[in-house]
Amino acid sequence: METNIKLYTLNYYEVRTYLLALAFVTCNMVLPQVFHLIPQGGFIFAPLSLVILAGSYKFGWKTGLLAAVLSPFVNHLVFGMPALSVLSVMTSKLMILAIIAGLTAQYFNKITIPLLVGVVLVSELIGGLVELALTGNIAFTIADFTIGWPGLLLQVFGTYFIIKYFK
C-alpha cells in the first residue's frame, strides 16, 4: 500500500509559516525536557534536531530556519539550556539541518529512509566542520557520532514516521 504525502514549501509572506515555526519552537521547549530526564539524554538524542528535521522536510526550509534560529534561543532564555557557550554552535547546526532538509524535500518531493540518512549525514558533516571552526575542539564534533548516534537514528526514523504516518 502506498501512502501519498504532501510536502510544502512555505514562504515568509505566509502567516502559516510563522504559526508552524511557533509550533515547532513550542515542541522544542517540551521535548528536550522529556529527554533531559535521561542522563545525558539531550546530548545523546538531540531532540531539537528531530523537530527541526521533520518540520523543515514537511514545510520547507524557511519554516525550519525560523524554528532553528528561535528554538535554542528561547530554550536558553526559559530553561538555561543550551548553555550560552554552545548556543551559537547548536543554532548553526540546526540552521544547516533546516536548509538541507527543506531543499532535499523540495528537490525530490518524496520521503525515503535513504534521503533522510543523506540529509542527516550531510548536515552532521557540514555542522561538524562549523562546530570545529567555532570551538576548535574535535572531541565535541566526534561525540555527535560516538555518543549521539541514537539521536541520529531517532532523527531518521522518527522523521520518517512523523511525516509518513501523521496526516
N, C-alpha and C. Protein backbone atom coordinates (compact mmCIF):
# COMPACT_ATOMS: atom_id res chain seq x y z
N MET A 1 0.84 -1.18 0.00
CA MET A 1 0.00 0.00 0.00
C MET A 1 0.88 1.24 0.00
N GLU A 2 0.64 2.14 -0.89
CA GLU A 2 1.43 3.35 -0.99
C GLU A 2 0.65 4.50 -0.35
N THR A 3 1.33 5.25 0.47
CA THR A 3 0.72 6.39 1.13
C THR A 3 1.21 7.66 0.45
N ASN A 4 0.30 8.48 0.02
CA ASN A 4 0.69 9.76 -0.56
C ASN A 4 0.92 10.76 0.56
N ILE A 5 1.98 11.51 0.43
CA ILE A 5 2.25 12.55 1.41
C ILE A 5 2.36 13.87 0.67
N LYS A 6 2.06 14.92 1.37
CA LYS A 6 2.14 16.26 0.80
C LYS A 6 3.26 17.00 1.51
N LEU A 7 4.22 17.47 0.74
CA LEU A 7 5.31 18.29 1.26
C LEU A 7 5.08 19.72 0.80
N TYR A 8 5.39 20.68 1.63
CA TYR A 8 5.12 22.08 1.34
C TYR A 8 6.43 22.87 1.29
N THR A 9 6.38 23.97 0.59
CA THR A 9 7.46 24.95 0.62
C THR A 9 6.83 26.29 0.93
N LEU A 10 6.77 26.59 2.21
CA LEU A 10 6.11 27.82 2.64
C LEU A 10 7.08 29.00 2.52
N ASN A 11 6.52 30.18 2.38
CA ASN A 11 7.32 31.40 2.24
C ASN A 11 7.11 32.32 3.43
N TYR A 12 7.98 33.32 3.53
CA TYR A 12 7.92 34.23 4.66
C TYR A 12 6.73 35.18 4.63
N TYR A 13 6.06 35.34 3.52
CA TYR A 13 4.87 36.19 3.46
C TYR A 13 3.60 35.46 3.90
N GLU A 14 3.71 34.16 4.20
CA GLU A 14 2.56 33.38 4.63
C GLU A 14 2.51 33.31 6.15
N VAL A 15 1.35 33.61 6.70
CA VAL A 15 1.17 33.55 8.15
C VAL A 15 1.40 32.13 8.65
N ARG A 16 1.03 31.17 7.85
CA ARG A 16 1.18 29.76 8.23
C ARG A 16 2.64 29.43 8.56
N THR A 17 3.57 30.04 7.86
CA THR A 17 5.00 29.82 8.11
C THR A 17 5.34 30.15 9.57
N TYR A 18 4.86 31.29 10.03
CA TYR A 18 5.17 31.75 11.39
C TYR A 18 4.43 30.94 12.44
N LEU A 19 3.20 30.55 12.14
CA LEU A 19 2.43 29.73 13.08
C LEU A 19 3.07 28.36 13.25
N LEU A 20 3.49 27.76 12.15
CA LEU A 20 4.15 26.46 12.24
C LEU A 20 5.50 26.57 12.94
N ALA A 21 6.25 27.61 12.62
CA ALA A 21 7.54 27.80 13.30
C ALA A 21 7.33 27.96 14.80
N LEU A 22 6.30 28.69 15.19
CA LEU A 22 5.97 28.84 16.62
C LEU A 22 5.60 27.49 17.23
N ALA A 23 4.85 26.67 16.50
CA ALA A 23 4.50 25.34 17.00
C ALA A 23 5.76 24.48 17.17
N PHE A 24 6.71 24.59 16.23
CA PHE A 24 7.94 23.82 16.35
C PHE A 24 8.79 24.30 17.52
N VAL A 25 8.83 25.60 17.74
CA VAL A 25 9.56 26.13 18.90
C VAL A 25 8.93 25.62 20.19
N THR A 26 7.61 25.59 20.23
CA THR A 26 6.91 25.08 21.41
C THR A 26 7.25 23.60 21.63
N CYS A 27 7.21 22.81 20.57
CA CYS A 27 7.61 21.39 20.68
C CYS A 27 9.05 21.28 21.16
N ASN A 28 9.88 22.18 20.68
CA ASN A 28 11.29 22.16 21.07
C ASN A 28 11.52 22.67 22.48
N MET A 29 10.50 23.17 23.12
CA MET A 29 10.60 23.52 24.54
C MET A 29 10.19 22.33 25.40
N VAL A 30 9.22 21.56 24.93
CA VAL A 30 8.69 20.44 25.70
C VAL A 30 9.54 19.19 25.53
N LEU A 31 9.84 18.82 24.30
CA LEU A 31 10.54 17.57 24.02
C LEU A 31 11.90 17.46 24.74
N PRO A 32 12.73 18.48 24.72
CA PRO A 32 14.00 18.34 25.44
C PRO A 32 13.83 18.11 26.94
N GLN A 33 12.78 18.67 27.52
CA GLN A 33 12.56 18.45 28.95
C GLN A 33 12.32 16.98 29.25
N VAL A 34 11.64 16.30 28.34
CA VAL A 34 11.41 14.86 28.49
C VAL A 34 12.73 14.10 28.35
N PHE A 35 13.52 14.44 27.35
CA PHE A 35 14.78 13.73 27.13
C PHE A 35 15.82 14.05 28.19
N HIS A 36 15.71 15.20 28.84
CA HIS A 36 16.67 15.54 29.89
C HIS A 36 16.41 14.75 31.17
N LEU A 37 15.31 13.99 31.22
CA LEU A 37 15.07 13.09 32.35
C LEU A 37 16.03 11.89 32.29
N ILE A 38 16.56 11.61 31.10
CA ILE A 38 17.55 10.55 30.90
C ILE A 38 18.93 11.19 31.07
N PRO A 39 19.83 10.55 31.83
CA PRO A 39 21.17 11.13 31.96
C PRO A 39 21.82 11.33 30.58
N GLN A 40 22.27 12.54 30.32
CA GLN A 40 22.85 12.97 29.05
C GLN A 40 21.88 12.78 27.88
N GLY A 41 20.59 12.72 28.18
CA GLY A 41 19.56 12.47 27.16
C GLY A 41 19.51 13.52 26.08
N GLY A 42 19.69 14.77 26.44
CA GLY A 42 19.68 15.84 25.44
C GLY A 42 20.83 15.71 24.47
N PHE A 43 21.99 15.35 24.98
CA PHE A 43 23.17 15.22 24.13
C PHE A 43 23.09 13.95 23.27
N ILE A 44 22.59 12.88 23.84
CA ILE A 44 22.51 11.60 23.12
C ILE A 44 21.46 11.64 22.03
N PHE A 45 20.28 12.20 22.34
CA PHE A 45 19.15 12.11 21.42
C PHE A 45 18.89 13.36 20.58
N ALA A 46 19.50 14.48 20.92
CA ALA A 46 19.36 15.72 20.15
C ALA A 46 17.90 15.99 19.76
N PRO A 47 17.01 16.14 20.74
CA PRO A 47 15.58 16.28 20.41
C PRO A 47 15.24 17.52 19.58
N LEU A 48 16.01 18.59 19.70
CA LEU A 48 15.73 19.77 18.88
C LEU A 48 15.90 19.43 17.40
N SER A 49 16.87 18.60 17.09
CA SER A 49 17.13 18.24 15.69
C SER A 49 15.97 17.45 15.08
N LEU A 50 15.34 16.60 15.87
CA LEU A 50 14.21 15.82 15.36
C LEU A 50 13.09 16.73 14.89
N VAL A 51 12.72 17.70 15.69
CA VAL A 51 11.64 18.62 15.34
C VAL A 51 12.03 19.48 14.15
N ILE A 52 13.24 19.98 14.13
CA ILE A 52 13.70 20.82 13.02
C ILE A 52 13.73 20.02 11.72
N LEU A 53 14.23 18.80 11.77
CA LEU A 53 14.29 17.96 10.58
C LEU A 53 12.89 17.66 10.05
N ALA A 54 12.00 17.22 10.92
CA ALA A 54 10.64 16.89 10.48
C ALA A 54 9.91 18.13 9.97
N GLY A 55 10.03 19.22 10.68
CA GLY A 55 9.35 20.45 10.26
C GLY A 55 9.88 21.02 8.96
N SER A 56 11.18 21.00 8.80
CA SER A 56 11.80 21.52 7.57
C SER A 56 11.48 20.65 6.38
N TYR A 57 11.50 19.36 6.59
CA TYR A 57 11.23 18.44 5.49
C TYR A 57 9.78 18.56 5.04
N LYS A 58 8.87 18.70 5.99
CA LYS A 58 7.44 18.76 5.66
C LYS A 58 7.01 20.13 5.15
N PHE A 59 7.52 21.21 5.76
CA PHE A 59 7.01 22.55 5.47
C PHE A 59 8.03 23.49 4.82
N GLY A 60 9.21 23.01 4.53
CA GLY A 60 10.18 23.81 3.81
C GLY A 60 11.26 24.42 4.69
N TRP A 61 12.33 24.81 4.02
CA TRP A 61 13.50 25.30 4.75
C TRP A 61 13.25 26.63 5.44
N LYS A 62 12.36 27.45 4.91
CA LYS A 62 12.13 28.76 5.53
C LYS A 62 11.44 28.61 6.88
N THR A 63 10.45 27.73 6.95
CA THR A 63 9.78 27.46 8.22
C THR A 63 10.77 26.83 9.19
N GLY A 64 11.53 25.86 8.70
CA GLY A 64 12.51 25.20 9.55
C GLY A 64 13.60 26.14 10.04
N LEU A 65 14.01 27.06 9.17
CA LEU A 65 15.06 28.01 9.55
C LEU A 65 14.60 28.93 10.68
N LEU A 66 13.36 29.39 10.61
CA LEU A 66 12.82 30.21 11.70
C LEU A 66 12.86 29.44 13.02
N ALA A 67 12.38 28.20 12.98
CA ALA A 67 12.37 27.38 14.19
C ALA A 67 13.79 27.07 14.66
N ALA A 68 14.70 26.85 13.72
CA ALA A 68 16.09 26.54 14.07
C ALA A 68 16.79 27.70 14.76
N VAL A 69 16.47 28.91 14.35
CA VAL A 69 17.07 30.10 14.97
C VAL A 69 16.44 30.37 16.33
N LEU A 70 15.13 30.23 16.42
CA LEU A 70 14.42 30.60 17.65
C LEU A 70 14.49 29.53 18.74
N SER A 71 14.45 28.26 18.38
CA SER A 71 14.36 27.19 19.38
C SER A 71 15.48 27.20 20.42
N PRO A 72 16.75 27.20 20.01
CA PRO A 72 17.80 27.20 21.03
C PRO A 72 17.79 28.49 21.86
N PHE A 73 17.50 29.61 21.20
CA PHE A 73 17.50 30.90 21.90
C PHE A 73 16.39 30.94 22.97
N VAL A 74 15.19 30.54 22.60
CA VAL A 74 14.06 30.53 23.55
C VAL A 74 14.33 29.54 24.67
N ASN A 75 14.83 28.35 24.33
CA ASN A 75 15.16 27.37 25.36
C ASN A 75 16.22 27.90 26.33
N HIS A 76 17.19 28.61 25.79
CA HIS A 76 18.22 29.19 26.66
C HIS A 76 17.60 30.23 27.60
N LEU A 77 16.74 31.08 27.06
CA LEU A 77 16.11 32.11 27.89
C LEU A 77 15.22 31.52 28.97
N VAL A 78 14.47 30.48 28.63
CA VAL A 78 13.49 29.91 29.56
C VAL A 78 14.13 28.89 30.51
N PHE A 79 14.96 28.00 30.00
CA PHE A 79 15.49 26.89 30.79
C PHE A 79 16.99 26.97 31.07
N GLY A 80 17.69 27.91 30.42
CA GLY A 80 19.13 27.99 30.60
C GLY A 80 19.90 26.95 29.81
N MET A 81 19.20 26.21 28.97
CA MET A 81 19.82 25.19 28.13
C MET A 81 19.39 25.43 26.69
N PRO A 82 20.23 25.36 25.77
CA PRO A 82 21.64 25.04 25.87
C PRO A 82 22.41 26.18 26.54
N ALA A 83 23.54 25.81 27.08
CA ALA A 83 24.39 26.80 27.73
C ALA A 83 24.83 27.84 26.71
N LEU A 84 25.07 29.03 27.19
CA LEU A 84 25.46 30.14 26.32
C LEU A 84 26.71 29.79 25.50
N SER A 85 27.59 29.01 26.08
CA SER A 85 28.84 28.66 25.39
C SER A 85 28.62 27.80 24.15
N VAL A 86 27.51 27.09 24.07
CA VAL A 86 27.25 26.23 22.90
C VAL A 86 26.05 26.72 22.08
N LEU A 87 25.49 27.84 22.45
CA LEU A 87 24.30 28.36 21.76
C LEU A 87 24.57 28.63 20.29
N SER A 88 25.68 29.26 19.97
CA SER A 88 25.97 29.56 18.57
C SER A 88 26.24 28.30 17.75
N VAL A 89 26.90 27.33 18.35
CA VAL A 89 27.17 26.07 17.65
C VAL A 89 25.87 25.33 17.37
N MET A 90 25.03 25.21 18.39
CA MET A 90 23.78 24.49 18.22
C MET A 90 22.87 25.18 17.21
N THR A 91 22.79 26.50 17.28
CA THR A 91 21.96 27.25 16.34
C THR A 91 22.48 27.06 14.92
N SER A 92 23.78 27.12 14.74
CA SER A 92 24.37 26.93 13.40
C SER A 92 24.05 25.56 12.84
N LYS A 93 24.20 24.54 13.67
CA LYS A 93 23.95 23.18 13.21
C LYS A 93 22.47 22.96 12.88
N LEU A 94 21.59 23.53 13.67
CA LEU A 94 20.15 23.41 13.38
C LEU A 94 19.78 24.16 12.11
N MET A 95 20.40 25.30 11.88
CA MET A 95 20.14 26.05 10.65
C MET A 95 20.59 25.26 9.43
N ILE A 96 21.74 24.64 9.51
CA ILE A 96 22.25 23.81 8.41
C ILE A 96 21.29 22.65 8.16
N LEU A 97 20.84 22.00 9.23
CA LEU A 97 19.90 20.89 9.10
C LEU A 97 18.60 21.34 8.44
N ALA A 98 18.08 22.48 8.85
CA ALA A 98 16.82 23.00 8.30
C ALA A 98 16.95 23.27 6.80
N ILE A 99 18.03 23.90 6.41
CA ILE A 99 18.21 24.25 5.00
C ILE A 99 18.38 22.98 4.15
N ILE A 100 19.22 22.07 4.58
CA ILE A 100 19.45 20.85 3.82
C ILE A 100 18.18 20.00 3.75
N ALA A 101 17.47 19.87 4.84
CA ALA A 101 16.24 19.07 4.85
C ALA A 101 15.18 19.68 3.94
N GLY A 102 14.97 20.97 4.07
CA GLY A 102 13.96 21.63 3.25
C GLY A 102 14.27 21.59 1.77
N LEU A 103 15.51 21.82 1.41
CA LEU A 103 15.90 21.79 0.00
C LEU A 103 15.84 20.37 -0.58
N THR A 104 16.21 19.39 0.23
CA THR A 104 16.12 18.00 -0.21
C THR A 104 14.67 17.61 -0.48
N ALA A 105 13.79 17.93 0.44
CA ALA A 105 12.36 17.63 0.25
C ALA A 105 11.81 18.34 -0.97
N GLN A 106 12.19 19.59 -1.15
CA GLN A 106 11.72 20.38 -2.30
C GLN A 106 12.22 19.77 -3.62
N TYR A 107 13.45 19.33 -3.64
CA TYR A 107 14.04 18.80 -4.87
C TYR A 107 13.46 17.41 -5.22
N PHE A 108 13.41 16.52 -4.24
CA PHE A 108 12.97 15.15 -4.51
C PHE A 108 11.46 14.95 -4.38
N ASN A 109 10.81 15.80 -3.61
CA ASN A 109 9.36 15.76 -3.40
C ASN A 109 8.87 14.38 -2.95
N LYS A 110 9.66 13.72 -2.13
CA LYS A 110 9.26 12.45 -1.54
C LYS A 110 10.10 12.24 -0.29
N ILE A 111 9.67 11.28 0.52
CA ILE A 111 10.44 10.96 1.72
C ILE A 111 10.80 9.48 1.69
N THR A 112 12.09 9.21 1.88
CA THR A 112 12.58 7.84 1.97
C THR A 112 13.64 7.80 3.07
N ILE A 113 13.88 6.62 3.57
CA ILE A 113 14.92 6.46 4.59
C ILE A 113 16.29 6.86 4.03
N PRO A 114 16.68 6.41 2.82
CA PRO A 114 17.98 6.84 2.30
C PRO A 114 18.12 8.36 2.16
N LEU A 115 17.05 9.04 1.74
CA LEU A 115 17.12 10.50 1.65
C LEU A 115 17.34 11.11 3.03
N LEU A 116 16.63 10.61 4.03
CA LEU A 116 16.79 11.15 5.39
C LEU A 116 18.18 10.84 5.95
N VAL A 117 18.70 9.65 5.66
CA VAL A 117 20.06 9.32 6.09
C VAL A 117 21.04 10.31 5.46
N GLY A 118 20.86 10.58 4.18
CA GLY A 118 21.71 11.54 3.50
C GLY A 118 21.62 12.93 4.10
N VAL A 119 20.40 13.38 4.37
CA VAL A 119 20.21 14.70 4.97
C VAL A 119 20.92 14.78 6.32
N VAL A 120 20.72 13.77 7.15
CA VAL A 120 21.33 13.79 8.49
C VAL A 120 22.85 13.73 8.40
N LEU A 121 23.37 12.84 7.57
CA LEU A 121 24.84 12.73 7.47
C LEU A 121 25.48 13.98 6.88
N VAL A 122 24.91 14.52 5.81
CA VAL A 122 25.48 15.73 5.21
C VAL A 122 25.41 16.90 6.18
N SER A 123 24.28 17.05 6.85
CA SER A 123 24.16 18.17 7.80
C SER A 123 25.08 17.97 9.00
N GLU A 124 25.27 16.73 9.43
CA GLU A 124 26.20 16.46 10.53
C GLU A 124 27.64 16.75 10.12
N LEU A 125 28.00 16.40 8.91
CA LEU A 125 29.36 16.66 8.44
C LEU A 125 29.62 18.16 8.29
N ILE A 126 28.70 18.87 7.65
CA ILE A 126 28.86 20.32 7.50
C ILE A 126 28.79 21.00 8.86
N GLY A 127 27.81 20.59 9.67
CA GLY A 127 27.68 21.15 11.01
C GLY A 127 28.90 20.86 11.87
N GLY A 128 29.47 19.67 11.70
CA GLY A 128 30.68 19.32 12.43
C GLY A 128 31.86 20.21 12.06
N LEU A 129 31.97 20.53 10.78
CA LEU A 129 33.03 21.44 10.34
C LEU A 129 32.83 22.84 10.92
N VAL A 130 31.57 23.28 10.96
CA VAL A 130 31.27 24.58 11.56
C VAL A 130 31.59 24.54 13.06
N GLU A 131 31.19 23.47 13.72
CA GLU A 131 31.48 23.32 15.15
C GLU A 131 32.98 23.33 15.41
N LEU A 132 33.71 22.62 14.59
CA LEU A 132 35.17 22.59 14.73
C LEU A 132 35.77 23.98 14.53
N ALA A 133 35.25 24.71 13.55
CA ALA A 133 35.74 26.07 13.29
C ALA A 133 35.43 27.01 14.46
N LEU A 134 34.25 26.83 15.06
CA LEU A 134 33.84 27.73 16.15
C LEU A 134 34.49 27.38 17.49
N THR A 135 34.70 26.08 17.73
CA THR A 135 35.20 25.67 19.05
C THR A 135 36.67 25.24 19.03
N GLY A 136 37.14 24.74 17.89
CA GLY A 136 38.50 24.21 17.82
C GLY A 136 38.64 22.88 18.54
N ASN A 137 37.51 22.27 18.94
CA ASN A 137 37.56 21.03 19.71
C ASN A 137 36.98 19.89 18.89
N ILE A 138 37.85 19.05 18.40
CA ILE A 138 37.39 17.93 17.56
C ILE A 138 36.65 16.87 18.37
N ALA A 139 36.90 16.79 19.67
CA ALA A 139 36.22 15.80 20.52
C ALA A 139 34.71 16.03 20.52
N PHE A 140 34.29 17.29 20.58
CA PHE A 140 32.85 17.60 20.55
C PHE A 140 32.24 17.17 19.22
N THR A 141 32.96 17.40 18.15
CA THR A 141 32.48 17.07 16.82
C THR A 141 32.33 15.55 16.67
N ILE A 142 33.32 14.82 17.12
CA ILE A 142 33.28 13.36 17.02
C ILE A 142 32.21 12.78 17.93
N ALA A 143 31.96 13.43 19.06
CA ALA A 143 30.95 12.93 20.01
C ALA A 143 29.56 12.85 19.40
N ASP A 144 29.27 13.68 18.42
CA ASP A 144 27.96 13.61 17.75
C ASP A 144 27.74 12.24 17.15
N PHE A 145 28.81 11.58 16.73
CA PHE A 145 28.69 10.26 16.13
C PHE A 145 28.90 9.14 17.15
N THR A 146 29.82 9.34 18.11
CA THR A 146 30.12 8.28 19.06
C THR A 146 29.09 8.19 20.18
N ILE A 147 28.70 9.31 20.73
CA ILE A 147 27.70 9.33 21.81
C ILE A 147 26.31 9.60 21.26
N GLY A 148 26.22 10.42 20.22
CA GLY A 148 24.93 10.87 19.71
C GLY A 148 24.31 10.01 18.63
N TRP A 149 24.87 8.83 18.35
CA TRP A 149 24.31 8.00 17.27
C TRP A 149 22.85 7.61 17.50
N PRO A 150 22.39 7.39 18.76
CA PRO A 150 20.96 7.10 18.91
C PRO A 150 20.07 8.27 18.46
N GLY A 151 20.55 9.48 18.65
CA GLY A 151 19.82 10.66 18.20
C GLY A 151 19.78 10.76 16.69
N LEU A 152 20.86 10.37 16.04
CA LEU A 152 20.88 10.38 14.58
C LEU A 152 19.87 9.37 14.03
N LEU A 153 19.80 8.20 14.65
CA LEU A 153 18.80 7.20 14.25
C LEU A 153 17.39 7.71 14.53
N LEU A 154 17.21 8.35 15.67
CA LEU A 154 15.90 8.92 16.01
C LEU A 154 15.48 9.96 15.00
N GLN A 155 16.43 10.78 14.56
CA GLN A 155 16.12 11.79 13.54
C GLN A 155 15.63 11.14 12.26
N VAL A 156 16.33 10.13 11.78
CA VAL A 156 15.98 9.48 10.52
C VAL A 156 14.63 8.77 10.64
N PHE A 157 14.52 7.84 11.58
CA PHE A 157 13.32 7.02 11.66
C PHE A 157 12.14 7.78 12.28
N GLY A 158 12.43 8.66 13.22
CA GLY A 158 11.36 9.48 13.80
C GLY A 158 10.75 10.42 12.78
N THR A 159 11.59 11.06 12.00
CA THR A 159 11.08 11.97 10.95
C THR A 159 10.30 11.20 9.91
N TYR A 160 10.81 10.07 9.50
CA TYR A 160 10.10 9.25 8.50
C TYR A 160 8.71 8.88 9.02
N PHE A 161 8.65 8.42 10.25
CA PHE A 161 7.38 8.02 10.86
C PHE A 161 6.42 9.21 10.99
N ILE A 162 6.94 10.33 11.48
CA ILE A 162 6.10 11.52 11.68
C ILE A 162 5.52 12.00 10.35
N ILE A 163 6.32 12.11 9.34
CA ILE A 163 5.85 12.65 8.06
C ILE A 163 4.99 11.63 7.31
N LYS A 164 5.37 10.39 7.36
CA LYS A 164 4.67 9.36 6.58
C LYS A 164 3.32 8.99 7.19
N TYR A 165 3.22 9.01 8.51
CA TYR A 165 2.01 8.47 9.13
C TYR A 165 1.14 9.46 9.89
N PHE A 166 1.62 10.67 10.12
CA PHE A 166 0.78 11.69 10.74
C PHE A 166 0.32 12.63 9.65
N LYS A 167 -0.97 12.67 9.42
CA LYS A 167 -1.51 13.50 8.35
C LYS A 167 -1.75 14.91 8.85
